[in-house]
């Protein structure tokens, strides 16, 4: 305190827009809701069990480390590995690596992935998918619109002309994509097992 301007104003605005969108978007009725809350509403509408994730969040709220919280909730290893890698990158504290994992492991990837899910999602008799469709379409709209190009611009600004930073960004992005593949494979294994 007091606040002072730091970094590029466009990047600063982009980061604040991301936080606003993720933490304070609106639901399909126009009421404020985070994307996590939209996800939980969607899963509840489909009749999915959200107890494990809600218990995990409660443990985090009490200050328990995410690893022990995930362990106590019997979260699959692939999900734990995905979260661990994300927090490892955050704890390193290198903005160019954090931006690369965010952009190429999430922001640039999610819209295309969700478009395919939306195309294949049909309402089954007695099952409403309106909230899930809204959740997916909201991500496509936000992440695929302005956020995608801005996240690429942010990486360009953070790496600049430094080939070492560009190589760092490449390496952490490749690993982030591999971790996401393993995450989805772990979820598929669990679905097939159940």
C-alpha atoms as a PDB file:
ATOM      1  CA  UNK A   1       0.000   0.000   0.000  1.00  0.00           C
ATOM      2  CA  UNK A   2      -0.553   2.417  -1.562  1.00  0.00           C
ATOM      3  CA  UNK A   3      -1.216   0.941  -5.006  1.00  0.00           C
ATOM      4  CA  UNK A   4       1.154   2.002  -7.769  1.00  0.00           C
ATOM      5  CA  UNK A   5       0.945   1.107 -11.456  1.00  0.00           C
ATOM      6  CA  UNK A   6       3.185  -1.817 -12.396  1.00  0.00           C
ATOM      7  CA  UNK A   7       3.822  -3.549 -15.687  1.00  0.00           C
ATOM      8  CA  UNK A   8       1.968  -3.068 -18.921  1.00  0.00           C
ATOM      9  CA  UNK A   9      -1.513  -1.517 -18.495  1.00  0.00           C
ATOM     10  CA  UNK A  10      -3.029  -3.922 -21.058  1.00  0.00           C
ATOM     11  CA  UNK A  11      -1.652  -6.968 -19.232  1.00  0.00           C
ATOM     12  CA  UNK A  12      -2.766  -5.540 -15.889  1.00  0.00           C
ATOM     13  CA  UNK A  13      -6.301  -5.058 -17.237  1.00  0.00           C
ATOM     14  CA  UNK A  14      -6.313  -8.557 -18.722  1.00  0.00           C
ATOM     15  CA  UNK A  15      -5.359 -10.160 -15.403  1.00  0.00           C
ATOM     16  CA  UNK A  16      -8.096  -8.220 -13.616  1.00  0.00           C
ATOM     17  CA  UNK A  17     -10.633  -9.258 -16.282  1.00  0.00           C
ATOM     18  CA  UNK A  18      -9.659 -12.903 -15.788  1.00  0.00           C
ATOM     19  CA  UNK A  19     -10.186 -12.636 -12.035  1.00  0.00           C
ATOM     20  CA  UNK A  20     -13.498 -10.820 -12.531  1.00  0.00           C
ATOM     21  CA  UNK A  21     -14.727 -13.421 -15.023  1.00  0.00           C
ATOM     22  CA  UNK A  22     -13.642 -16.451 -13.017  1.00  0.00           C
ATOM     23  CA  UNK A  23     -14.725 -15.220  -9.596  1.00  0.00           C
ATOM     24  CA  UNK A  24     -17.675 -12.934 -10.379  1.00  0.00           C
ATOM     25  CA  UNK A  25     -19.357 -13.893 -13.644  1.00  0.00           C
ATOM     26  CA  UNK A  26     -23.123 -14.322 -13.953  1.00  0.00           C
ATOM     27  CA  UNK A  27     -25.266 -17.444 -14.096  1.00  0.00           C
ATOM     28  CA  UNK A  28     -27.928 -18.161 -16.720  1.00  0.00           C
ATOM     29  CA  UNK A  29     -30.390 -16.008 -14.711  1.00  0.00           C
ATOM     30  CA  UNK A  30     -28.023 -13.035 -14.527  1.00  0.00           C
ATOM     31  CA  UNK A  31     -27.130 -13.571 -10.839  1.00  0.00           C
ATOM     32  CA  UNK A  32     -23.467 -13.211  -9.802  1.00  0.00           C
ATOM     33  CA  UNK A  33     -21.615 -16.540  -9.611  1.00  0.00           C
ATOM     34  CA  UNK A  34     -18.055 -17.762  -9.956  1.00  0.00           C
ATOM     35  CA  UNK A  35     -17.221 -20.305 -12.635  1.00  0.00           C
ATOM     36  CA  UNK A  36     -16.685 -22.841  -9.876  1.00  0.00           C
ATOM     37  CA  UNK A  37     -20.194 -22.170  -8.565  1.00  0.00           C
ATOM     38  CA  UNK A  38     -21.559 -22.473 -12.114  1.00  0.00           C
ATOM     39  CA  UNK A  39     -19.808 -25.825 -12.418  1.00  0.00           C
ATOM     40  CA  UNK A  40     -21.283 -27.073  -9.123  1.00  0.00           C
ATOM     41  CA  UNK A  41     -24.766 -25.895 -10.178  1.00  0.00           C
ATOM     42  CA  UNK A  42     -24.330 -27.750 -13.481  1.00  0.00           C
ATOM     43  CA  UNK A  43     -23.240 -30.947 -11.791  1.00  0.00           C
ATOM     44  CA  UNK A  44     -26.124 -30.740  -9.305  1.00  0.00           C
ATOM     45  CA  UNK A  45     -28.601 -30.237 -12.154  1.00  0.00           C
ATOM     46  CA  UNK A  46     -27.264 -33.398 -13.812  1.00  0.00           C
ATOM     47  CA  UNK A  47     -27.535 -35.335 -10.563  1.00  0.00           C
ATOM     48  CA  UNK A  48     -23.764 -35.768 -10.238  1.00  0.00           C
ATOM     49  CA  UNK A  49     -22.197 -36.260  -6.817  1.00  0.00           C
ATOM     50  CA  UNK A  50     -20.443 -33.021  -5.823  1.00  0.00           C
ATOM     51  CA  UNK A  51     -19.810 -34.032  -2.209  1.00  0.00           C
ATOM     52  CA  UNK A  52     -16.132 -34.928  -2.720  1.00  0.00           C
ATOM     53  CA  UNK A  53     -15.201 -31.609  -4.318  1.00  0.00           C
ATOM     54  CA  UNK A  54     -17.210 -29.619  -1.752  1.00  0.00           C
ATOM     55  CA  UNK A  55     -15.543 -31.473   1.125  1.00  0.00           C
ATOM     56  CA  UNK A  56     -12.169 -30.829  -0.518  1.00  0.00           C
ATOM     57  CA  UNK A  57     -12.974 -27.087  -0.663  1.00  0.00           C
ATOM     58  CA  UNK A  58     -14.051 -27.101   2.997  1.00  0.00           C
ATOM     59  CA  UNK A  59     -10.701 -28.626   3.978  1.00  0.00           C
ATOM     60  CA  UNK A  60      -8.866 -25.957   1.967  1.00  0.00           C
ATOM     61  CA  UNK A  61     -10.920 -23.231   3.717  1.00  0.00           C
ATOM     62  CA  UNK A  62      -9.697 -24.520   7.096  1.00  0.00           C
ATOM     63  CA  UNK A  63      -6.099 -24.095   5.955  1.00  0.00           C
ATOM     64  CA  UNK A  64      -5.262 -27.720   5.176  1.00  0.00           C
ATOM     65  CA  UNK A  65      -2.695 -28.119   2.373  1.00  0.00           C
ATOM     66  CA  UNK A  66      -4.269 -29.168  -0.910  1.00  0.00           C
ATOM     67  CA  UNK A  67      -2.249 -32.410  -1.065  1.00  0.00           C
ATOM     68  CA  UNK A  68      -3.477 -33.735   2.279  1.00  0.00           C
ATOM     69  CA  UNK A  69      -6.997 -32.476   1.487  1.00  0.00           C
ATOM     70  CA  UNK A  70      -6.969 -34.306  -1.852  1.00  0.00           C
ATOM     71  CA  UNK A  71      -5.532 -37.410  -0.235  1.00  0.00           C
ATOM     72  CA  UNK A  72      -8.232 -37.511   2.435  1.00  0.00           C
ATOM     73  CA  UNK A  73     -10.920 -37.200  -0.267  1.00  0.00           C
ATOM     74  CA  UNK A  74      -9.362 -40.039  -2.288  1.00  0.00           C
ATOM     75  CA  UNK A  75      -8.778 -37.815  -5.322  1.00  0.00           C
ATOM     76  CA  UNK A  76      -7.196 -39.815  -8.158  1.00  0.00           C
ATOM     77  CA  UNK A  77      -3.445 -39.533  -8.624  1.00  0.00           C
ATOM     78  CA  UNK A  78      -3.679 -37.898 -12.067  1.00  0.00           C
ATOM     79  CA  UNK A  79      -5.738 -35.039 -10.628  1.00  0.00           C
ATOM     80  CA  UNK A  80      -3.302 -34.632  -7.741  1.00  0.00           C
ATOM     81  CA  UNK A  81      -0.386 -34.571 -10.223  1.00  0.00           C
ATOM     82  CA  UNK A  82      -2.167 -31.929 -12.325  1.00  0.00           C
ATOM     83  CA  UNK A  83      -2.803 -29.710  -9.284  1.00  0.00           C
ATOM     84  CA  UNK A  84       0.729 -30.263  -7.978  1.00  0.00           C
ATOM     85  CA  UNK A  85       2.279 -29.168 -11.262  1.00  0.00           C
ATOM     86  CA  UNK A  86       0.094 -26.051 -11.361  1.00  0.00           C
ATOM     87  CA  UNK A  87       1.124 -25.068  -7.821  1.00  0.00           C
ATOM     88  CA  UNK A  88       4.763 -25.910  -8.533  1.00  0.00           C
ATOM     89  CA  UNK A  89       4.772 -23.394 -11.387  1.00  0.00           C
ATOM     90  CA  UNK A  90       3.003 -20.773  -9.255  1.00  0.00           C
ATOM     91  CA  UNK A  91       5.482 -21.259  -6.387  1.00  0.00           C
ATOM     92  CA  UNK A  92       8.460 -20.830  -8.712  1.00  0.00           C
ATOM     93  CA  UNK A  93       7.188 -17.271  -9.113  1.00  0.00           C
ATOM     94  CA  UNK A  94       8.325 -16.759 -12.733  1.00  0.00           C
ATOM     95  CA  UNK A  95       5.615 -14.665 -14.413  1.00  0.00           C
ATOM     96  CA  UNK A  96       6.514 -15.866 -17.927  1.00  0.00           C
ATOM     97  CA  UNK A  97       6.129 -19.527 -16.854  1.00  0.00           C
ATOM     98  CA  UNK A  98       2.872 -18.877 -15.006  1.00  0.00           C
ATOM     99  CA  UNK A  99       1.482 -17.024 -18.042  1.00  0.00           C
ATOM    100  CA  UNK A 100       2.590 -19.817 -20.418  1.00  0.00           C
ATOM    101  CA  UNK A 101       0.955 -22.582 -18.356  1.00  0.00           C
ATOM    102  CA  UNK A 102      -2.178 -20.471 -18.014  1.00  0.00           C
ATOM    103  CA  UNK A 103      -2.349 -19.645 -21.715  1.00  0.00           C
ATOM    104  CA  UNK A 104      -1.347 -22.890 -23.384  1.00  0.00           C
ATOM    105  CA  UNK A 105      -2.530 -25.287 -20.680  1.00  0.00           C
ATOM    106  CA  UNK A 106      -5.897 -23.626 -20.132  1.00  0.00           C
ATOM    107  CA  UNK A 107      -6.965 -20.422 -21.862  1.00  0.00           C
ATOM    108  CA  UNK A 108      -5.961 -21.325 -25.413  1.00  0.00           C
ATOM    109  CA  UNK A 109      -7.087 -24.943 -25.034  1.00  0.00           C
ATOM    110  CA  UNK A 110     -10.455 -24.794 -23.254  1.00  0.00           C
ATOM    111  CA  UNK A 111     -12.651 -23.129 -25.934  1.00  0.00           C
ATOM    112  CA  UNK A 112     -11.921 -25.755 -28.606  1.00  0.00           C
ATOM    113  CA  UNK A 113     -12.262 -28.574 -26.091  1.00  0.00           C
ATOM    114  CA  UNK A 114     -15.601 -27.259 -24.794  1.00  0.00           C
ATOM    115  CA  UNK A 115     -16.983 -26.645 -28.306  1.00  0.00           C
ATOM    116  CA  UNK A 116     -16.613 -30.375 -29.010  1.00  0.00           C
ATOM    117  CA  UNK A 117     -18.344 -31.245 -25.740  1.00  0.00           C
ATOM    118  CA  UNK A 118     -21.224 -28.862 -26.509  1.00  0.00           C
ATOM    119  CA  UNK A 119     -21.626 -30.380 -29.989  1.00  0.00           C
ATOM    120  CA  UNK A 120     -21.918 -33.862 -28.508  1.00  0.00           C
ATOM    121  CA  UNK A 121     -24.100 -32.929 -25.546  1.00  0.00           C
ATOM    122  CA  UNK A 122     -27.745 -33.725 -25.950  1.00  0.00           C
ATOM    123  CA  UNK A 123     -30.450 -33.639 -23.354  1.00  0.00           C
ATOM    124  CA  UNK A 124     -31.524 -37.108 -22.367  1.00  0.00           C
ATOM    125  CA  UNK A 125     -35.024 -37.823 -21.219  1.00  0.00           C
ATOM    126  CA  UNK A 126     -35.486 -36.514 -17.679  1.00  0.00           C
ATOM    127  CA  UNK A 127     -32.008 -34.914 -17.533  1.00  0.00           C
ATOM    128  CA  UNK A 128     -31.639 -31.164 -17.925  1.00  0.00           C
ATOM    129  CA  UNK A 129     -28.324 -29.916 -19.281  1.00  0.00           C
ATOM    130  CA  UNK A 130     -29.191 -26.214 -19.539  1.00  0.00           C
ATOM    131  CA  UNK A 131     -26.805 -25.124 -16.760  1.00  0.00           C
ATOM    132  CA  UNK A 132     -23.967 -27.262 -18.108  1.00  0.00           C
ATOM    133  CA  UNK A 133     -24.472 -25.867 -21.609  1.00  0.00           C
ATOM    134  CA  UNK A 134     -24.474 -22.339 -20.192  1.00  0.00           C
ATOM    135  CA  UNK A 135     -21.273 -23.062 -18.218  1.00  0.00           C
ATOM    136  CA  UNK A 136     -19.502 -24.484 -21.285  1.00  0.00           C
ATOM    137  CA  UNK A 137     -20.744 -21.762 -23.634  1.00  0.00           C
ATOM    138  CA  UNK A 138     -19.682 -19.075 -21.142  1.00  0.00           C
ATOM    139  CA  UNK A 139     -16.132 -20.468 -21.151  1.00  0.00           C
ATOM    140  CA  UNK A 140     -16.124 -20.627 -24.944  1.00  0.00           C
ATOM    141  CA  UNK A 141     -17.344 -17.034 -25.171  1.00  0.00           C
ATOM    142  CA  UNK A 142     -14.970 -15.575 -22.590  1.00  0.00           C
ATOM    143  CA  UNK A 143     -11.839 -17.659 -23.175  1.00  0.00           C
ATOM    144  CA  UNK A 144     -12.241 -17.855 -26.944  1.00  0.00           C
ATOM    145  CA  UNK A 145     -12.996 -14.178 -27.373  1.00  0.00           C
ATOM    146  CA  UNK A 146     -10.826 -11.439 -25.977  1.00  0.00           C
ATOM    147  CA  UNK A 147      -8.922 -13.523 -23.419  1.00  0.00           C
ATOM    148  CA  UNK A 148      -7.170 -15.801 -25.926  1.00  0.00           C
ATOM    149  CA  UNK A 149      -5.443 -13.017 -27.890  1.00  0.00           C
ATOM    150  CA  UNK A 150      -4.704 -11.035 -24.713  1.00  0.00           C
ATOM    151  CA  UNK A 151      -3.064 -14.034 -23.048  1.00  0.00           C
ATOM    152  CA  UNK A 152      -0.789 -14.470 -26.086  1.00  0.00           C
ATOM    153  CA  UNK A 153       0.053 -10.768 -25.940  1.00  0.00           C
ATOM    154  CA  UNK A 154       0.857 -11.146 -22.225  1.00  0.00           C
ATOM    155  CA  UNK A 155       3.347 -13.959 -22.927  1.00  0.00           C
ATOM    156  CA  UNK A 156       4.929 -11.906 -25.696  1.00  0.00           C
ATOM    157  CA  UNK A 157       5.376  -9.029 -23.263  1.00  0.00           C
ATOM    158  CA  UNK A 158       6.741 -11.225 -20.469  1.00  0.00           C
ATOM    159  CA  UNK A 159       9.211 -13.151 -22.661  1.00  0.00           C
ATOM    160  CA  UNK A 160      10.136 -10.261 -24.936  1.00  0.00           C
ATOM    161  CA  UNK A 161      13.333 -10.943 -26.852  1.00  0.00           C
ATOM    162  CA  UNK A 162      14.735 -13.343 -24.267  1.00  0.00           C
ATOM    163  CA  UNK A 163      15.256 -16.796 -25.856  1.00  0.00           C
ATOM    164  CA  UNK A 164      15.734 -18.397 -22.422  1.00  0.00           C
ATOM    165  CA  UNK A 165      12.308 -17.189 -21.273  1.00  0.00           C
ATOM    166  CA  UNK A 166      10.728 -18.397 -24.528  1.00  0.00           C
ATOM    167  CA  UNK A 167      12.318 -21.807 -24.014  1.00  0.00           C
ATOM    168  CA  UNK A 168      11.100 -21.871 -20.390  1.00  0.00           C
ATOM    169  CA  UNK A 169       7.590 -21.003 -21.626  1.00  0.00           C
ATOM    170  CA  UNK A 170       7.746 -23.807 -24.185  1.00  0.00           C
ATOM    171  CA  UNK A 171       8.938 -26.418 -21.683  1.00  0.00           C
ATOM    172  CA  UNK A 172       6.383 -25.619 -18.971  1.00  0.00           C
ATOM    173  CA  UNK A 173       3.593 -25.451 -21.578  1.00  0.00           C
ATOM    174  CA  UNK A 174       4.457 -28.862 -22.999  1.00  0.00           C
ATOM    175  CA  UNK A 175       4.464 -30.357 -19.528  1.00  0.00           C
ATOM    176  CA  UNK A 176       1.165 -28.605 -18.685  1.00  0.00           C
ATOM    177  CA  UNK A 177      -0.435 -30.153 -21.778  1.00  0.00           C
ATOM    178  CA  UNK A 178       0.926 -33.582 -20.835  1.00  0.00           C
ATOM    179  CA  UNK A 179      -0.433 -33.158 -17.307  1.00  0.00           C
ATOM    180  CA  UNK A 180      -3.850 -32.231 -18.737  1.00  0.00           C
ATOM    181  CA  UNK A 181      -3.858 -35.338 -20.954  1.00  0.00           C
ATOM    182  CA  UNK A 182      -3.029 -37.452 -17.899  1.00  0.00           C
ATOM    183  CA  UNK A 183      -5.763 -35.665 -15.924  1.00  0.00           C
ATOM    184  CA  UNK A 184      -8.394 -36.547 -18.541  1.00  0.00           C
ATOM    185  CA  UNK A 185      -7.074 -40.107 -18.871  1.00  0.00           C
ATOM    186  CA  UNK A 186      -7.364 -40.479 -15.095  1.00  0.00           C
ATOM    187  CA  UNK A 187     -10.948 -39.246 -15.195  1.00  0.00           C
ATOM    188  CA  UNK A 188     -11.736 -41.665 -18.019  1.00  0.00           C
ATOM    189  CA  UNK A 189     -10.240 -44.552 -16.036  1.00  0.00           C
ATOM    190  CA  UNK A 190     -12.411 -43.632 -13.082  1.00  0.00           C
ATOM    191  CA  UNK A 191     -15.538 -43.429 -15.259  1.00  0.00           C
ATOM    192  CA  UNK A 192     -14.784 -46.826 -16.812  1.00  0.00           C
ATOM    193  CA  UNK A 193     -14.122 -48.303 -13.361  1.00  0.00           C
ATOM    194  CA  UNK A 194     -17.468 -47.053 -12.031  1.00  0.00           C
END
